[in-house]
Amino acid sequence: MPIINTLEIYEDLKSQFKEEEARTLTKALEKSLEEYQKKQESFLATKDDIVKLREEVKDDITKLREEVKGDIAKLREEVKGDIAKLREEVKGDIVEKRKTILINSG
């Protein structure tokens, strides 16, 4: 669909130029406008482009969600391990302190 009505432009030009010149100018203008319109359309997204992008984004979000779940599970296990180690260290420290107290008080 043309951006402007070139027939009207042709009629206006015909009053100021010879008919052949007006036709040539109008054709050149029409060609230029069509090229401009094609360039502009190449920047626009079609419905298919949007649907495809939506699916890609959904897939990316799903992958990211799974990665984050995996990372959280891994961190949870690391923290559990760290807590277990600390618990054992504290138990050992408590036993040592009790021994020291018993030795010093006895």
C-alpha atoms as a PDB file:
ATOM      1  CA  MET A   1       0.000   0.000   0.000  1.00  0.00           C
ATOM      2  CA  PRO A   2       1.567   3.302  -1.071  1.00  0.00           C
ATOM      3  CA  ILE A   3       2.434   5.860   1.558  1.00  0.00           C
ATOM      4  CA  ILE A   4       0.910   8.666  -0.512  1.00  0.00           C
ATOM      5  CA  ASN A   5      -1.365   8.897  -3.542  1.00  0.00           C
ATOM      6  CA  THR A   6       1.006   9.368  -6.465  1.00  0.00           C
ATOM      7  CA  LEU A   7      -1.890  10.001  -8.846  1.00  0.00           C
ATOM      8  CA  GLU A   8      -2.645  13.253  -7.040  1.00  0.00           C
ATOM      9  CA  ILE A   9       1.024  14.206  -7.185  1.00  0.00           C
ATOM     10  CA  TYR A  10       1.089  13.412 -10.894  1.00  0.00           C
ATOM     11  CA  GLU A  11      -1.932  15.654 -11.476  1.00  0.00           C
ATOM     12  CA  ASP A  12      -0.267  18.488  -9.545  1.00  0.00           C
ATOM     13  CA  LEU A  13       3.037  18.054 -11.382  1.00  0.00           C
ATOM     14  CA  LYS A  14       1.294  17.876 -14.755  1.00  0.00           C
ATOM     15  CA  SER A  15       0.125  21.458 -14.305  1.00  0.00           C
ATOM     16  CA  GLN A  16       3.705  22.654 -13.744  1.00  0.00           C
ATOM     17  CA  PHE A  17       5.708  20.320 -16.032  1.00  0.00           C
ATOM     18  CA  LYS A  18       5.291  18.599 -19.334  1.00  0.00           C
ATOM     19  CA  GLU A  19       3.272  15.379 -19.119  1.00  0.00           C
ATOM     20  CA  GLU A  20       6.309  13.135 -19.716  1.00  0.00           C
ATOM     21  CA  GLU A  21       8.360  15.000 -17.083  1.00  0.00           C
ATOM     22  CA  ALA A  22       5.495  14.796 -14.589  1.00  0.00           C
ATOM     23  CA  ARG A  23       5.167  11.052 -15.240  1.00  0.00           C
ATOM     24  CA  THR A  24       8.929  10.513 -14.848  1.00  0.00           C
ATOM     25  CA  LEU A  25       9.043  12.504 -11.612  1.00  0.00           C
ATOM     26  CA  THR A  26       6.014  10.670 -10.257  1.00  0.00           C
ATOM     27  CA  LYS A  27       7.504   7.251 -11.110  1.00  0.00           C
ATOM     28  CA  ALA A  28      10.812   8.202  -9.491  1.00  0.00           C
ATOM     29  CA  LEU A  29       9.002   9.427  -6.392  1.00  0.00           C
ATOM     30  CA  GLU A  30       6.861   6.285  -6.265  1.00  0.00           C
ATOM     31  CA  LYS A  31       9.938   4.043  -6.590  1.00  0.00           C
ATOM     32  CA  SER A  32      11.751   5.976  -3.886  1.00  0.00           C
ATOM     33  CA  LEU A  33       8.752   5.770  -1.563  1.00  0.00           C
ATOM     34  CA  GLU A  34       8.379   2.028  -2.166  1.00  0.00           C
ATOM     35  CA  GLU A  35      12.050   1.479  -1.321  1.00  0.00           C
ATOM     36  CA  TYR A  36      11.654   3.587   1.808  1.00  0.00           C
ATOM     37  CA  GLN A  37       8.557   1.628   2.818  1.00  0.00           C
ATOM     38  CA  LYS A  38      10.335  -1.710   2.299  1.00  0.00           C
ATOM     39  CA  LYS A  39      13.223  -0.557   4.480  1.00  0.00           C
ATOM     40  CA  GLN A  40      10.806   0.549   7.185  1.00  0.00           C
ATOM     41  CA  GLU A  41       8.898  -2.734   7.010  1.00  0.00           C
ATOM     42  CA  SER A  42      12.113  -4.693   7.467  1.00  0.00           C
ATOM     43  CA  PHE A  43      12.411  -3.134  10.931  1.00  0.00           C
ATOM     44  CA  LEU A  44       8.878  -4.084  11.962  1.00  0.00           C
ATOM     45  CA  ALA A  45       8.073  -7.371  13.659  1.00  0.00           C
ATOM     46  CA  THR A  46       5.411  -9.605  12.184  1.00  0.00           C
ATOM     47  CA  LYS A  47       2.974 -11.621  14.268  1.00  0.00           C
ATOM     48  CA  ASP A  48       5.066 -14.695  13.489  1.00  0.00           C
ATOM     49  CA  ASP A  49       8.192 -12.878  14.698  1.00  0.00           C
ATOM     50  CA  ILE A  50       6.440 -12.001  17.952  1.00  0.00           C
ATOM     51  CA  VAL A  51       5.140 -15.558  18.442  1.00  0.00           C
ATOM     52  CA  LYS A  52       8.622 -16.953  17.789  1.00  0.00           C
ATOM     53  CA  LEU A  53      10.202 -14.463  20.179  1.00  0.00           C
ATOM     54  CA  ARG A  54       7.601 -15.255  22.848  1.00  0.00           C
ATOM     55  CA  GLU A  55       8.412 -18.973  22.569  1.00  0.00           C
ATOM     56  CA  GLU A  56      12.150 -18.283  22.733  1.00  0.00           C
ATOM     57  CA  VAL A  57      11.675 -16.144  25.836  1.00  0.00           C
ATOM     58  CA  LYS A  58       9.499 -18.835  27.457  1.00  0.00           C
ATOM     59  CA  ASP A  59      12.180 -21.431  26.712  1.00  0.00           C
ATOM     60  CA  ASP A  60      14.892 -19.160  28.104  1.00  0.00           C
ATOM     61  CA  ILE A  61      12.874 -18.540  31.274  1.00  0.00           C
ATOM     62  CA  THR A  62      12.248 -22.272  31.707  1.00  0.00           C
ATOM     63  CA  LYS A  63      15.959 -23.050  31.273  1.00  0.00           C
ATOM     64  CA  LEU A  64      16.928 -20.280  33.666  1.00  0.00           C
ATOM     65  CA  ARG A  65      14.376 -21.478  36.230  1.00  0.00           C
ATOM     66  CA  GLU A  66      15.828 -25.001  36.069  1.00  0.00           C
ATOM     67  CA  GLU A  67      19.377 -23.670  36.386  1.00  0.00           C
ATOM     68  CA  VAL A  68      18.400 -21.579  39.408  1.00  0.00           C
ATOM     69  CA  LYS A  69      16.632 -24.553  41.010  1.00  0.00           C
ATOM     70  CA  GLY A  70      19.773 -26.627  40.484  1.00  0.00           C
ATOM     71  CA  ASP A  71      21.970 -23.878  41.919  1.00  0.00           C
ATOM     72  CA  ILE A  72      19.705 -23.526  44.962  1.00  0.00           C
ATOM     73  CA  ALA A  73      19.712 -27.290  45.552  1.00  0.00           C
ATOM     74  CA  LYS A  74      23.505 -27.360  45.277  1.00  0.00           C
ATOM     75  CA  LEU A  75      23.890 -24.430  47.673  1.00  0.00           C
ATOM     76  CA  ARG A  76      21.431 -26.033  50.096  1.00  0.00           C
ATOM     77  CA  GLU A  77      23.528 -29.208  50.168  1.00  0.00           C
ATOM     78  CA  GLU A  78      26.718 -27.196  50.649  1.00  0.00           C
ATOM     79  CA  VAL A  79      25.153 -25.266  53.535  1.00  0.00           C
ATOM     80  CA  LYS A  80      23.892 -28.508  55.108  1.00  0.00           C
ATOM     81  CA  GLY A  81      27.411 -29.910  54.875  1.00  0.00           C
ATOM     82  CA  ASP A  82      28.905 -26.752  56.370  1.00  0.00           C
ATOM     83  CA  ILE A  83      26.377 -26.814  59.229  1.00  0.00           C
ATOM     84  CA  ALA A  84      27.126 -30.485  59.918  1.00  0.00           C
ATOM     85  CA  LYS A  85      30.879 -29.749  60.025  1.00  0.00           C
ATOM     86  CA  LEU A  86      30.351 -26.788  62.341  1.00  0.00           C
ATOM     87  CA  ARG A  87      28.084 -28.872  64.580  1.00  0.00           C
ATOM     88  CA  GLU A  88      30.793 -31.526  64.896  1.00  0.00           C
ATOM     89  CA  GLU A  89      33.449 -28.892  65.574  1.00  0.00           C
ATOM     90  CA  VAL A  90      31.294 -27.255  68.251  1.00  0.00           C
ATOM     91  CA  LYS A  91      30.554 -30.643  69.839  1.00  0.00           C
ATOM     92  CA  GLY A  92      34.281 -31.352  69.895  1.00  0.00           C
ATOM     93  CA  ASP A  93      34.999 -27.933  71.392  1.00  0.00           C
ATOM     94  CA  ILE A  94      32.318 -28.496  74.063  1.00  0.00           C
ATOM     95  CA  VAL A  95      33.796 -31.884  74.963  1.00  0.00           C
ATOM     96  CA  GLU A  96      37.271 -30.331  75.236  1.00  0.00           C
ATOM     97  CA  LYS A  97      35.989 -27.473  77.413  1.00  0.00           C
ATOM     98  CA  ARG A  98      34.163 -29.931  79.690  1.00  0.00           C
ATOM     99  CA  LYS A  99      37.341 -31.973  80.064  1.00  0.00           C
ATOM    100  CA  THR A 100      39.314 -28.827  80.851  1.00  0.00           C
ATOM    101  CA  ILE A 101      36.728 -27.727  83.418  1.00  0.00           C
ATOM    102  CA  LEU A 102      36.643 -31.190  85.045  1.00  0.00           C
ATOM    103  CA  ILE A 103      40.435 -31.355  85.189  1.00  0.00           C
ATOM    104  CA  ASN A 104      40.738 -27.836  86.629  1.00  0.00           C
ATOM    105  CA  SER A 105      37.972 -28.345  89.184  1.00  0.00           C
ATOM    106  CA  GLY A 106      39.043 -31.791  90.273  1.00  0.00           C
END
